[in-house]
Amino acid sequence: MRKLSAFMGYNLDEARLHQIQDRCEVNSMRQGKLAKMDPEMLEQLKTLTRDGFLFIRKGQVGDWKNWFTVAQSEQFDAWWAEQTMDITRFSFRYTLDSGCQ
Protein backbone atom coordinates (compact mmCIF):
# COMPACT_ATOMS: atom_id res chain seq x y z
CA MET A 1 0.00 0.00 0.00
CA ARG A 2 2.89 2.36 0.73
CA LYS A 3 4.41 1.83 -2.73
CA LEU A 4 1.06 2.25 -4.44
CA SER A 5 0.15 5.42 -2.54
CA ALA A 6 3.60 6.89 -3.21
CA PHE A 7 3.32 6.03 -6.90
CA MET A 8 -0.04 7.79 -7.04
CA GLY A 9 1.37 10.83 -5.26
CA TYR A 10 -0.41 10.38 -1.93
CA ASN A 11 1.25 10.74 1.44
CA LEU A 12 -0.99 8.63 3.67
CA ASP A 13 -0.44 8.00 7.37
CA GLU A 14 -0.17 4.47 8.79
CA ALA A 15 -3.76 4.43 10.06
CA ARG A 16 -5.15 5.25 6.61
CA LEU A 17 -2.89 2.68 4.94
CA HIS A 18 -4.11 -0.01 7.34
CA GLN A 19 -7.73 1.00 6.74
CA ILE A 20 -7.28 0.65 2.99
CA GLN A 21 -5.49 -2.67 3.41
CA ASP A 22 -8.28 -4.02 5.62
CA ARG A 23 -10.93 -2.99 3.11
CA CYS A 24 -9.00 -4.72 0.31
CA GLU A 25 -9.09 -8.09 2.07
CA VAL A 26 -11.22 -10.62 0.20
CA ASN A 27 -13.68 -11.14 3.06
CA SER A 28 -14.18 -7.40 3.53
CA MET A 29 -14.84 -6.88 -0.17
CA ARG A 30 -17.24 -9.83 -0.26
CA GLN A 31 -19.24 -8.60 2.73
CA GLY A 32 -19.32 -5.03 1.45
CA LYS A 33 -20.56 -6.04 -2.00
CA LEU A 34 -23.43 -8.12 -0.65
CA ALA A 35 -24.40 -5.57 2.00
CA LYS A 36 -24.81 -2.88 -0.67
CA MET A 37 -26.82 -5.04 -3.05
CA ASP A 38 -30.55 -4.44 -3.30
CA PRO A 39 -32.60 -7.43 -1.98
CA GLU A 40 -34.44 -7.69 -5.30
CA MET A 41 -31.11 -7.77 -7.13
CA LEU A 42 -29.90 -10.52 -4.80
CA GLU A 43 -32.95 -12.62 -5.72
CA GLN A 44 -32.40 -12.04 -9.44
CA LEU A 45 -28.75 -12.97 -9.03
CA LYS A 46 -29.76 -16.33 -7.55
CA THR A 47 -31.74 -17.14 -10.71
CA LEU A 48 -28.79 -16.26 -12.98
CA THR A 49 -26.01 -18.12 -11.19
CA ARG A 50 -25.45 -21.61 -9.93
CA ASP A 51 -25.42 -22.48 -6.24
CA GLY A 52 -22.28 -21.38 -4.44
CA PHE A 53 -21.34 -18.68 -6.97
CA LEU A 54 -19.87 -15.50 -5.52
CA PHE A 55 -18.53 -12.55 -7.46
CA ILE A 56 -15.66 -12.38 -5.02
CA ARG A 57 -14.79 -15.96 -4.24
CA LYS A 58 -11.48 -17.00 -2.70
CA GLY A 59 -8.98 -14.39 -3.78
CA GLN A 60 -6.73 -17.13 -5.14
CA VAL A 61 -5.05 -17.10 -8.52
CA GLY A 62 -6.16 -20.10 -10.55
CA ASP A 63 -9.49 -20.74 -8.77
CA TRP A 64 -11.20 -20.22 -12.12
CA LYS A 65 -10.12 -23.78 -12.97
CA ASN A 66 -12.67 -25.00 -10.42
CA TRP A 67 -15.46 -23.24 -12.31
CA PHE A 68 -14.58 -23.44 -16.02
CA THR A 69 -14.67 -26.62 -18.06
CA VAL A 70 -11.86 -27.16 -20.56
CA ALA A 71 -14.24 -26.10 -23.35
CA GLN A 72 -15.22 -22.91 -21.51
CA SER A 73 -11.57 -22.11 -20.86
CA GLU A 74 -10.78 -22.51 -24.56
CA GLN A 75 -13.77 -20.33 -25.51
CA PHE A 76 -12.66 -17.63 -23.09
CA ASP A 77 -9.06 -17.75 -24.34
CA ALA A 78 -10.26 -17.31 -27.93
CA TRP A 79 -12.61 -14.47 -26.97
CA TRP A 80 -9.91 -12.76 -24.89
CA ALA A 81 -7.34 -13.01 -27.69
CA GLU A 82 -9.79 -11.37 -30.09
CA GLN A 83 -10.80 -8.62 -27.65
CA THR A 84 -7.22 -7.72 -26.72
CA MET A 85 -5.39 -8.19 -30.02
CA ASP A 86 -4.60 -4.45 -30.20
CA ILE A 87 -3.46 -4.12 -26.59
CA THR A 88 0.29 -4.36 -26.13
CA ARG A 89 0.75 -2.68 -22.75
CA PHE A 90 0.12 -5.77 -20.60
CA SER A 91 -0.59 -9.44 -20.72
CA PHE A 92 -3.36 -11.09 -18.75
CA ARG A 93 -1.93 -13.61 -16.26
CA TYR A 94 -4.47 -16.00 -14.83
CA THR A 95 -2.14 -18.64 -13.39
CA LEU A 96 1.03 -18.48 -11.33
CA ASP A 97 4.31 -19.97 -12.43
CA SER A 98 5.37 -22.92 -10.29
CA GLY A 99 7.04 -21.77 -7.11
CA CYS A 100 5.27 -18.38 -7.07
CA GLN A 101 2.70 -18.93 -4.34
PDB file of N, CA and C in Angstrom:
ATOM      1  N   MET A   1       0.834  -1.187   0.000  1.00  0.00           N
ATOM      2  CA  MET A   1       0.000   0.000   0.000  1.00  0.00           C
ATOM      3  C   MET A   1       0.878   1.249   0.000  1.00  0.00           C
ATOM      4  N   ARG A   2       1.991   1.195   0.706  1.00  0.00           N
ATOM      5  CA  ARG A   2       2.890   2.355   0.730  1.00  0.00           C
ATOM      6  C   ARG A   2       3.411   2.670  -0.671  1.00  0.00           C
ATOM      7  N   LYS A   3       3.869   1.634  -1.380  1.00  0.00           N
ATOM      8  CA  LYS A   3       4.409   1.835  -2.725  1.00  0.00           C
ATOM      9  C   LYS A   3       3.342   2.373  -3.665  1.00  0.00           C
ATOM     10  N   LEU A   4       2.142   1.812  -3.566  1.00  0.00           N
ATOM     11  CA  LEU A   4       1.056   2.252  -4.436  1.00  0.00           C
ATOM     12  C   LEU A   4       0.669   3.691  -4.149  1.00  0.00           C
ATOM     13  N   SER A   5       0.535   4.043  -2.870  1.00  0.00           N
ATOM     14  CA  SER A   5       0.148   5.418  -2.540  1.00  0.00           C
ATOM     15  C   SER A   5       1.243   6.400  -2.946  1.00  0.00           C
ATOM     16  N   ALA A   6       2.509   6.016  -2.782  1.00  0.00           N
ATOM     17  CA  ALA A   6       3.603   6.891  -3.207  1.00  0.00           C
ATOM     18  C   ALA A   6       3.600   7.062  -4.722  1.00  0.00           C
ATOM     19  N   PHE A   7       3.372   5.967  -5.442  1.00  0.00           N
ATOM     20  CA  PHE A   7       3.322   6.025  -6.896  1.00  0.00           C
ATOM     21  C   PHE A   7       2.217   6.968  -7.369  1.00  0.00           C
ATOM     22  N   MET A   8       1.089   6.947  -6.659  1.00  0.00           N
ATOM     23  CA  MET A   8      -0.042   7.786  -7.044  1.00  0.00           C
ATOM     24  C   MET A   8       0.075   9.208  -6.501  1.00  0.00           C
ATOM     25  N   GLY A   9       1.135   9.479  -5.747  1.00  0.00           N
ATOM     26  CA  GLY A   9       1.366  10.832  -5.264  1.00  0.00           C
ATOM     27  C   GLY A   9       0.663  11.170  -3.961  1.00  0.00           C
ATOM     28  N   TYR A  10       0.253  10.147  -3.211  1.00  0.00           N
ATOM     29  CA  TYR A  10      -0.412  10.380  -1.933  1.00  0.00           C
ATOM     30  C   TYR A  10       0.570  10.128  -0.795  1.00  0.00           C
ATOM     31  N   ASN A  11       0.452  10.922   0.239  1.00  0.00           N
ATOM     32  CA  ASN A  11       1.250  10.743   1.440  1.00  0.00           C
ATOM     33  C   ASN A  11       0.291  10.383   2.567  1.00  0.00           C
ATOM     34  N   LEU A  12       0.008   9.085   2.708  1.00  0.00           N
ATOM     35  CA  LEU A  12      -0.989   8.631   3.668  1.00  0.00           C
ATOM     36  C   LEU A  12      -0.324   8.174   4.963  1.00  0.00           C
ATOM     37  N   ASP A  13      -0.988   8.451   6.090  1.00  0.00           N
ATOM     38  CA  ASP A  13      -0.443   7.998   7.368  1.00  0.00           C
ATOM     39  C   ASP A  13      -0.717   6.505   7.555  1.00  0.00           C
ATOM     40  N   GLU A  14      -0.068   5.912   8.551  1.00  0.00           N
ATOM     41  CA  GLU A  14      -0.174   4.471   8.786  1.00  0.00           C
ATOM     42  C   GLU A  14      -1.620   4.022   9.033  1.00  0.00           C
ATOM     43  N   ALA A  15      -2.373   4.807   9.768  1.00  0.00           N
ATOM     44  CA  ALA A  15      -3.762   4.433  10.065  1.00  0.00           C
ATOM     45  C   ALA A  15      -4.577   4.326   8.778  1.00  0.00           C
ATOM     46  N   ARG A  16      -4.409   5.277   7.883  1.00  0.00           N
ATOM     47  CA  ARG A  16      -5.154   5.254   6.610  1.00  0.00           C
ATOM     48  C   ARG A  16      -4.706   4.081   5.741  1.00  0.00           C
ATOM     49  N   LEU A  17      -3.400   3.813   5.710  1.00  0.00           N
ATOM     50  CA  LEU A  17      -2.887   2.683   4.939  1.00  0.00           C
ATOM     51  C   LEU A  17      -3.461   1.363   5.450  1.00  0.00           C
ATOM     52  N   HIS A  18      -3.532   1.212   6.763  1.00  0.00           N
ATOM     53  CA  HIS A  18      -4.108  -0.010   7.340  1.00  0.00           C
ATOM     54  C   HIS A  18      -5.600  -0.112   7.040  1.00  0.00           C
ATOM     55  N   GLN A  19      -6.299   1.012   7.053  1.00  0.00           N
ATOM     56  CA  GLN A  19      -7.734   0.999   6.742  1.00  0.00           C
ATOM     57  C   GLN A  19      -7.956   0.535   5.298  1.00  0.00           C
ATOM     58  N   ILE A  20      -7.168   1.048   4.391  1.00  0.00           N
ATOM     59  CA  ILE A  20      -7.277   0.649   2.987  1.00  0.00           C
ATOM     60  C   ILE A  20      -6.946  -0.827   2.830  1.00  0.00           C
ATOM     61  N   GLN A  21      -5.883  -1.265   3.482  1.00  0.00           N
ATOM     62  CA  GLN A  21      -5.486  -2.668   3.413  1.00  0.00           C
ATOM     63  C   GLN A  21      -6.589  -3.581   3.939  1.00  0.00           C
ATOM     64  N   ASP A  22      -7.189  -3.208   5.055  1.00  0.00           N
ATOM     65  CA  ASP A  22      -8.284  -4.016   5.616  1.00  0.00           C
ATOM     66  C   ASP A  22      -9.468  -4.104   4.667  1.00  0.00           C
ATOM     67  N   ARG A  23      -9.785  -2.994   4.028  1.00  0.00           N
ATOM     68  CA  ARG A  23     -10.928  -2.987   3.109  1.00  0.00           C
ATOM     69  C   ARG A  23     -10.642  -3.731   1.814  1.00  0.00           C
ATOM     70  N   CYS A  24      -9.383  -3.973   1.517  1.00  0.00           N
ATOM     71  CA  CYS A  24      -9.002  -4.717   0.311  1.00  0.00           C
ATOM     72  C   CYS A  24      -8.917  -6.220   0.546  1.00  0.00           C
ATOM     73  N   GLU A  25      -9.078  -6.655   1.780  1.00  0.00           N
ATOM     74  CA  GLU A  25      -9.090  -8.088   2.070  1.00  0.00           C
ATOM     75  C   GLU A  25     -10.311  -8.721   1.404  1.00  0.00           C
ATOM     76  N   VAL A  26     -10.155  -9.935   0.944  1.00  0.00           N
ATOM     77  CA  VAL A  26     -11.218 -10.617   0.204  1.00  0.00           C
ATOM     78  C   VAL A  26     -12.518 -10.667   1.003  1.00  0.00           C
ATOM     79  N   ASN A  27     -12.457 -11.042   2.264  1.00  0.00           N
ATOM     80  CA  ASN A  27     -13.682 -11.144   3.064  1.00  0.00           C
ATOM     81  C   ASN A  27     -14.361  -9.792   3.239  1.00  0.00           C
ATOM     82  N   SER A  28     -13.593  -8.737   3.399  1.00  0.00           N
ATOM     83  CA  SER A  28     -14.178  -7.400   3.533  1.00  0.00           C
ATOM     84  C   SER A  28     -14.876  -6.982   2.248  1.00  0.00           C
ATOM     85  N   MET A  29     -14.230  -7.252   1.112  1.00  0.00           N
ATOM     86  CA  MET A  29     -14.843  -6.882  -0.168  1.00  0.00           C
ATOM     87  C   MET A  29     -16.115  -7.693  -0.409  1.00  0.00           C
ATOM     88  N   ARG A  30     -16.073  -8.977  -0.063  1.00  0.00           N
ATOM     89  CA  ARG A  30     -17.240  -9.834  -0.263  1.00  0.00           C
ATOM     90  C   ARG A  30     -18.417  -9.341   0.578  1.00  0.00           C
ATOM     91  N   GLN A  31     -18.177  -9.058   1.847  1.00  0.00           N
ATOM     92  CA  GLN A  31     -19.241  -8.599   2.733  1.00  0.00           C
ATOM     93  C   GLN A  31     -19.772  -7.241   2.287  1.00  0.00           C
ATOM     94  N   GLY A  32     -18.901  -6.353   1.885  1.00  0.00           N
ATOM     95  CA  GLY A  32     -19.324  -5.028   1.454  1.00  0.00           C
ATOM     96  C   GLY A  32     -20.180  -5.068   0.206  1.00  0.00           C
ATOM     97  N   LYS A  33     -19.809  -5.916  -0.746  1.00  0.00           N
ATOM     98  CA  LYS A  33     -20.557  -6.038  -1.998  1.00  0.00           C
ATOM     99  C   LYS A  33     -21.977  -6.538  -1.743  1.00  0.00           C
ATOM    100  N   LEU A  34     -22.103  -7.567  -0.935  1.00  0.00           N
ATOM    101  CA  LEU A  34     -23.426  -8.124  -0.654  1.00  0.00           C
ATOM    102  C   LEU A  34     -24.274  -7.183   0.190  1.00  0.00           C
ATOM    103  N   ALA A  35     -23.657  -6.481   1.120  1.00  0.00           N
ATOM    104  CA  ALA A  35     -24.397  -5.571   1.997  1.00  0.00           C
ATOM    105  C   ALA A  35     -25.000  -4.412   1.211  1.00  0.00           C
ATOM    106  N   LYS A  36     -24.339  -4.015   0.127  1.00  0.00           N
ATOM    107  CA  LYS A  36     -24.811  -2.877  -0.667  1.00  0.00           C
ATOM    108  C   LYS A  36     -25.815  -3.280  -1.742  1.00  0.00           C
ATOM    109  N   MET A  37     -25.949  -4.575  -1.974  1.00  0.00           N
ATOM    110  CA  MET A  37     -26.816  -5.041  -3.047  1.00  0.00           C
ATOM    111  C   MET A  37     -28.289  -5.008  -2.625  1.00  0.00           C
ATOM    112  N   ASP A  38     -29.110  -4.495  -3.506  1.00  0.00           N
ATOM    113  CA  ASP A  38     -30.552  -4.439  -3.300  1.00  0.00           C
ATOM    114  C   ASP A  38     -31.109  -5.861  -3.133  1.00  0.00           C
ATOM    115  N   PRO A  39     -32.040  -6.089  -2.183  1.00  0.00           N
ATOM    116  CA  PRO A  39     -32.601  -7.431  -1.982  1.00  0.00           C
ATOM    117  C   PRO A  39     -33.201  -8.036  -3.252  1.00  0.00           C
ATOM    118  N   GLU A  40     -33.869  -7.199  -4.049  1.00  0.00           N
ATOM    119  CA  GLU A  40     -34.438  -7.693  -5.300  1.00  0.00           C
ATOM    120  C   GLU A  40     -33.334  -8.147  -6.251  1.00  0.00           C
ATOM    121  N   MET A  41     -32.248  -7.402  -6.290  1.00  0.00           N
ATOM    122  CA  MET A  41     -31.109  -7.772  -7.128  1.00  0.00           C
ATOM    123  C   MET A  41     -30.490  -9.083  -6.651  1.00  0.00           C
ATOM    124  N   LEU A  42     -30.418  -9.269  -5.345  1.00  0.00           N
ATOM    125  CA  LEU A  42     -29.899 -10.525  -4.803  1.00  0.00           C
ATOM    126  C   LEU A  42     -30.738 -11.710  -5.266  1.00  0.00           C
ATOM    127  N   GLU A  43     -32.064 -11.549  -5.264  1.00  0.00           N
ATOM    128  CA  GLU A  43     -32.953 -12.622  -5.721  1.00  0.00           C
ATOM    129  C   GLU A  43     -32.750 -12.905  -7.207  1.00  0.00           C
ATOM    130  N   GLN A  44     -32.622 -11.853  -8.006  1.00  0.00           N
ATOM    131  CA  GLN A  44     -32.398 -12.037  -9.435  1.00  0.00           C
ATOM    132  C   GLN A  44     -31.057 -12.727  -9.682  1.00  0.00           C
ATOM    133  N   LEU A  45     -30.069 -12.363  -8.896  1.00  0.00           N
ATOM    134  CA  LEU A  45     -28.751 -12.969  -9.028  1.00  0.00           C
ATOM    135  C   LEU A  45     -28.809 -14.473  -8.795  1.00  0.00           C
ATOM    136  N   LYS A  46     -29.630 -14.897  -7.844  1.00  0.00           N
ATOM    137  CA  LYS A  46     -29.764 -16.326  -7.551  1.00  0.00           C
ATOM    138  C   LYS A  46     -30.311 -17.089  -8.757  1.00  0.00           C
ATOM    139  N   THR A  47     -31.169 -16.453  -9.550  1.00  0.00           N
ATOM    140  CA  THR A  47     -31.738 -17.136 -10.713  1.00  0.00           C
ATOM    141  C   THR A  47     -30.745 -17.196 -11.875  1.00  0.00           C
ATOM    142  N   LEU A  48     -29.736 -16.329 -11.878  1.00  0.00           N
ATOM    143  CA  LEU A  48     -28.785 -16.263 -12.984  1.00  0.00           C
ATOM    144  C   LEU A  48     -27.505 -17.052 -12.747  1.00  0.00           C
ATOM    145  N   THR A  49     -27.266 -17.443 -11.518  1.00  0.00           N
ATOM    146  CA  THR A  49     -26.007 -18.116 -11.194  1.00  0.00           C
ATOM    147  C   THR A  49     -26.282 -19.464 -10.545  1.00  0.00           C
ATOM    148  N   ARG A  50     -25.276 -20.304 -10.568  1.00  0.00           N
ATOM    149  CA  ARG A  50     -25.450 -21.608  -9.934  1.00  0.00           C
ATOM    150  C   ARG A  50     -25.153 -21.498  -8.444  1.00  0.00           C
ATOM    151  N   ASP A  51     -25.610 -22.476  -7.685  1.00  0.00           N
ATOM    152  CA  ASP A  51     -25.419 -22.480  -6.238  1.00  0.00           C
ATOM    153  C   ASP A  51     -23.937 -22.357  -5.892  1.00  0.00           C
ATOM    154  N   GLY A  52     -23.655 -21.544  -4.917  1.00  0.00           N
ATOM    155  CA  GLY A  52     -22.281 -21.383  -4.444  1.00  0.00           C
ATOM    156  C   GLY A  52     -21.497 -20.310  -5.165  1.00  0.00           C
ATOM    157  N   PHE A  53     -22.064 -19.699  -6.218  1.00  0.00           N
ATOM    158  CA  PHE A  53     -21.339 -18.681  -6.966  1.00  0.00           C
ATOM    159  C   PHE A  53     -21.263 -17.386  -6.170  1.00  0.00           C
ATOM    160  N   LEU A  54     -20.086 -16.820  -6.127  1.00  0.00           N
ATOM    161  CA  LEU A  54     -19.873 -15.503  -5.523  1.00  0.00           C
ATOM    162  C   LEU A  54     -19.034 -14.681  -6.481  1.00  0.00           C
ATOM    163  N   PHE A  55     -19.340 -13.407  -6.607  1.00  0.00           N
ATOM    164  CA  PHE A  55     -18.526 -12.549  -7.457  1.00  0.00           C
ATOM    165  C   PHE A  55     -17.098 -12.481  -6.930  1.00  0.00           C
ATOM    166  N   ILE A  56     -16.975 -12.397  -5.648  1.00  0.00           N
ATOM    167  CA  ILE A  56     -15.660 -12.384  -5.021  1.00  0.00           C
ATOM    168  C   ILE A  56     -15.564 -13.695  -4.259  1.00  0.00           C
ATOM    169  N   ARG A  57     -14.791 -14.619  -4.798  1.00  0.00           N
ATOM    170  CA  ARG A  57     -14.788 -15.959  -4.241  1.00  0.00           C
ATOM    171  C   ARG A  57     -13.673 -16.140  -3.219  1.00  0.00           C
ATOM    172  N   LYS A  58     -12.522 -16.628  -3.634  1.00  0.00           N
ATOM    173  CA  LYS A  58     -11.479 -17.003  -2.695  1.00  0.00           C
ATOM    174  C   LYS A  58     -10.304 -16.035  -2.661  1.00  0.00           C
ATOM    175  N   GLY A  59     -10.149 -15.261  -3.705  1.00  0.00           N
ATOM    176  CA  GLY A  59      -8.985 -14.395  -3.776  1.00  0.00           C
ATOM    177  C   GLY A  59      -7.725 -15.180  -4.085  1.00  0.00           C
ATOM    178  N   GLN A  60      -7.864 -16.279  -4.799  1.00  0.00           N
ATOM    179  CA  GLN A  60      -6.732 -17.130  -5.140  1.00  0.00           C
ATOM    180  C   GLN A  60      -6.570 -17.193  -6.649  1.00  0.00           C
ATOM    181  N   VAL A  61      -5.339 -16.976  -7.100  1.00  0.00           N
ATOM    182  CA  VAL A  61      -5.050 -17.099  -8.520  1.00  0.00           C
ATOM    183  C   VAL A  61      -5.258 -18.548  -8.931  1.00  0.00           C
ATOM    184  N   GLY A  62      -5.958 -18.756 -10.021  1.00  0.00           N
ATOM    185  CA  GLY A  62      -6.162 -20.096 -10.547  1.00  0.00           C
ATOM    186  C   GLY A  62      -7.454 -20.764 -10.109  1.00  0.00           C
ATOM    187  N   ASP A  63      -8.235 -20.131  -9.226  1.00  0.00           N
ATOM    188  CA  ASP A  63      -9.488 -20.743  -8.773  1.00  0.00           C
ATOM    189  C   ASP A  63     -10.490 -20.878  -9.907  1.00  0.00           C
ATOM    190  N   TRP A  64     -10.302 -20.128 -10.973  1.00  0.00           N
ATOM    191  CA  TRP A  64     -11.205 -20.217 -12.117  1.00  0.00           C
ATOM    192  C   TRP A  64     -11.244 -21.636 -12.668  1.00  0.00           C
ATOM    193  N   LYS A  65     -10.165 -22.396 -12.468  1.00  0.00           N
ATOM    194  CA  LYS A  65     -10.119 -23.775 -12.970  1.00  0.00           C
ATOM    195  C   LYS A  65     -11.178 -24.650 -12.302  1.00  0.00           C
ATOM    196  N   ASN A  66     -11.619 -24.251 -11.112  1.00  0.00           N
ATOM    197  CA  ASN A  66     -12.667 -25.001 -10.419  1.00  0.00           C
ATOM    198  C   ASN A  66     -14.057 -24.681 -10.960  1.00  0.00           C
ATOM    199  N   TRP A  67     -14.160 -23.675 -11.812  1.00  0.00           N
ATOM    200  CA  TRP A  67     -15.465 -23.236 -12.310  1.00  0.00           C
ATOM    201  C   TRP A  67     -15.612 -23.413 -13.821  1.00  0.00           C
ATOM    202  N   PHE A  68     -14.530 -23.322 -14.569  1.00  0.00           N
ATOM    203  CA  PHE A  68     -14.580 -23.444 -16.023  1.00  0.00           C
ATOM    204  C   PHE A  68     -14.309 -24.880 -16.431  1.00  0.00           C
ATOM    205  N   THR A  69     -15.031 -25.351 -17.429  1.00  0.00           N
ATOM    206  CA  THR A  69     -14.669 -26.619 -18.061  1.00  0.00           C
ATOM    207  C   THR A  69     -13.539 -26.320 -19.039  1.00  0.00           C
ATOM    208  N   VAL A  70     -12.913 -27.351 -19.574  1.00  0.00           N
ATOM    209  CA  VAL A  70     -11.857 -27.161 -20.564  1.00  0.00           C
ATOM    210  C   VAL A  70     -12.413 -26.400 -21.771  1.00  0.00           C
ATOM    211  N   ALA A  71     -13.609 -26.768 -22.202  1.00  0.00           N
ATOM    212  CA  ALA A  71     -14.235 -26.100 -23.352  1.00  0.00           C
ATOM    213  C   ALA A  71     -14.481 -24.623 -23.065  1.00  0.00           C
ATOM    214  N   GLN A  72     -14.978 -24.308 -21.868  1.00  0.00           N
ATOM    215  CA  GLN A  72     -15.220 -22.909 -21.506  1.00  0.00           C
ATOM    216  C   GLN A  72     -13.908 -22.138 -21.442  1.00  0.00           C
ATOM    217  N   SER A  73     -12.875 -22.760 -20.930  1.00  0.00           N
ATOM    218  CA  SER A  73     -11.568 -22.114 -20.864  1.00  0.00           C
ATOM    219  C   SER A  73     -11.052 -21.791 -22.265  1.00  0.00           C
ATOM    220  N   GLU A  74     -11.211 -22.736 -23.181  1.00  0.00           N
ATOM    221  CA  GLU A  74     -10.784 -22.513 -24.562  1.00  0.00           C
ATOM    222  C   GLU A  74     -11.607 -21.409 -25.219  1.00  0.00           C
ATOM    223  N   GLN A  75     -12.915 -21.390 -24.956  1.00  0.00           N
ATOM    224  CA  GLN A  75     -13.768 -20.331 -25.508  1.00  0.00           C
ATOM    225  C   GLN A  75     -13.345 -18.970 -24.966  1.00  0.00           C
ATOM    226  N   PHE A  76     -13.083 -18.900 -23.673  1.00  0.00           N
ATOM    227  CA  PHE A  76     -12.663 -17.626 -23.085  1.00  0.00           C
ATOM    228  C   PHE A  76     -11.329 -17.188 -23.667  1.00  0.00           C
ATOM    229  N   ASP A  77     -10.369 -18.104 -23.776  1.00  0.00           N
ATOM    230  CA  ASP A  77      -9.060 -17.751 -24.336  1.00  0.00           C
ATOM    231  C   ASP A  77      -9.199 -17.183 -25.745  1.00  0.00           C
ATOM    232  N   ALA A  78     -10.045 -17.798 -26.568  1.00  0.00           N
ATOM    233  CA  ALA A  78     -10.256 -17.310 -27.933  1.00  0.00           C
ATOM    234  C   ALA A  78     -10.911 -15.937 -27.916  1.00  0.00           C
ATOM    235  N   TRP A  79     -11.926 -15.764 -27.082  1.00  0.00           N
ATOM    236  CA  TRP A  79     -12.610 -14.472 -26.974  1.00  0.00           C
ATOM    237  C   TRP A  79     -11.637 -13.402 -26.489  1.00  0.00           C
ATOM    238  N   TRP A  80     -10.857 -13.726 -25.455  1.00  0.00           N
ATOM    239  CA  TRP A  80      -9.912 -12.755 -24.888  1.00  0.00           C
ATOM    240  C   TRP A  80      -8.856 -12.352 -25.920  1.00  0.00           C
ATOM    241  N   ALA A  81      -8.347 -13.312 -26.666  1.00  0.00           N
ATOM    242  CA  ALA A  81      -7.335 -13.011 -27.692  1.00  0.00           C
ATOM    243  C   ALA A  81      -7.902 -12.044 -28.730  1.00  0.00           C
ATOM    244  N   GLU A  82      -9.157 -12.262 -29.112  1.00  0.00           N
ATOM    245  CA  GLU A  82      -9.793 -11.375 -30.089  1.00  0.00           C
ATOM    246  C   GLU A  82     -10.009  -9.973 -29.510  1.00  0.00           C
ATOM    247  N   GLN A  83     -10.482  -9.905 -28.268  1.00  0.00           N
ATOM    248  CA  GLN A  83     -10.799  -8.619 -27.647  1.00  0.00           C
ATOM    249  C   GLN A  83      -9.550  -7.786 -27.350  1.00  0.00           C
ATOM    250  N   THR A  84      -8.427  -8.438 -27.148  1.00  0.00           N
ATOM    251  CA  THR A  84      -7.221  -7.723 -26.723  1.00  0.00           C
ATOM    252  C   THR A  84      -6.107  -7.735 -27.759  1.00  0.00           C
ATOM    253  N   MET A  85      -6.437  -8.075 -29.003  1.00  0.00           N
ATOM    254  CA  MET A  85      -5.386  -8.187 -30.023  1.00  0.00           C
ATOM    255  C   MET A  85      -4.631  -6.875 -30.251  1.00  0.00           C
ATOM    256  N   ASP A  86      -5.256  -5.742 -29.989  1.00  0.00           N
ATOM    257  CA  ASP A  86      -4.600  -4.452 -30.204  1.00  0.00           C
ATOM    258  C   ASP A  86      -3.934  -3.901 -28.947  1.00  0.00           C
ATOM    259  N   ILE A  87      -4.043  -4.604 -27.846  1.00  0.00           N
ATOM    260  CA  ILE A  87      -3.463  -4.123 -26.592  1.00  0.00           C
ATOM    261  C   ILE A  87      -2.082  -4.734 -26.414  1.00  0.00           C
ATOM    262  N   THR A  88      -1.086  -3.873 -26.273  1.00  0.00           N
ATOM    263  CA  THR A  88       0.287  -4.360 -26.126  1.00  0.00           C
ATOM    264  C   THR A  88       0.914  -3.934 -24.800  1.00  0.00           C
ATOM    265  N   ARG A  89       0.178  -3.209 -23.977  1.00  0.00           N
ATOM    266  CA  ARG A  89       0.750  -2.684 -22.745  1.00  0.00           C
ATOM    267  C   ARG A  89       0.841  -3.705 -21.619  1.00  0.00           C
ATOM    268  N   PHE A  90       0.078  -4.760 -21.668  1.00  0.00           N
ATOM    269  CA  PHE A  90       0.119  -5.768 -20.605  1.00  0.00           C
ATOM    270  C   PHE A  90      -0.328  -7.114 -21.154  1.00  0.00           C
ATOM    271  N   SER A  91      -0.050  -8.130 -20.388  1.00  0.00           N
ATOM    272  CA  SER A  91      -0.589  -9.443 -20.720  1.00  0.00           C
ATOM    273  C   SER A  91      -1.386  -9.924 -19.513  1.00  0.00           C
ATOM    274  N   PHE A  92      -2.457 -10.614 -19.787  1.00  0.00           N
ATOM    275  CA  PHE A  92      -3.360 -11.088 -18.746  1.00  0.00           C
ATOM    276  C   PHE A  92      -2.816 -12.399 -18.194  1.00  0.00           C
ATOM    277  N   ARG A  93      -2.453 -12.406 -16.909  1.00  0.00           N
ATOM    278  CA  ARG A  93      -1.927 -13.611 -16.259  1.00  0.00           C
ATOM    279  C   ARG A  93      -2.975 -14.190 -15.352  1.00  0.00           C
ATOM    280  N   TYR A  94      -3.413 -15.397 -15.642  1.00  0.00           N
ATOM    281  CA  TYR A  94      -4.465 -15.996 -14.833  1.00  0.00           C
ATOM    282  C   TYR A  94      -4.024 -17.283 -14.160  1.00  0.00           C
ATOM    283  N   THR A  95      -2.717 -17.554 -14.182  1.00  0.00           N
ATOM    284  CA  THR A  95      -2.135 -18.636 -13.389  1.00  0.00           C
ATOM    285  C   THR A  95      -0.788 -18.165 -12.877  1.00  0.00           C
ATOM    286  N   LEU A  96      -0.298 -18.798 -11.850  1.00  0.00           N
ATOM    287  CA  LEU A  96       1.031 -18.476 -11.334  1.00  0.00           C
ATOM    288  C   LEU A  96       2.024 -19.500 -11.843  1.00  0.00           C
ATOM    289  N   ASP A  97       3.254 -19.040 -12.082  1.00  0.00           N
ATOM    290  CA  ASP A  97       4.314 -19.967 -12.432  1.00  0.00           C
ATOM    291  C   ASP A  97       4.597 -20.835 -11.213  1.00  0.00           C
ATOM    292  N   SER A  98       5.076 -22.035 -11.430  1.00  0.00           N
ATOM    293  CA  SER A  98       5.366 -22.917 -10.290  1.00  0.00           C
ATOM    294  C   SER A  98       6.391 -22.249  -9.386  1.00  0.00           C
ATOM    295  N   GLY A  99       6.141 -22.359  -8.096  1.00  0.00           N
ATOM    296  CA  GLY A  99       7.035 -21.766  -7.107  1.00  0.00           C
ATOM    297  C   GLY A  99       6.675 -20.351  -6.722  1.00  0.00           C
ATOM    298  N   CYS A 100       5.678 -19.768  -7.360  1.00  0.00           N
ATOM    299  CA  CYS A 100       5.274 -18.378  -7.067  1.00  0.00           C
ATOM    300  C   CYS A 100       3.975 -18.360  -6.281  1.00  0.00           C
ATOM    301  N   GLN A 101       3.926 -18.895  -5.128  1.00  0.00           N
ATOM    302  CA  GLN A 101       2.702 -18.933  -4.335  1.00  0.00           C
ATOM    303  C   GLN A 101       2.638 -17.813  -3.401  1.00  0.00           C
TER     304      GLN A 101
END
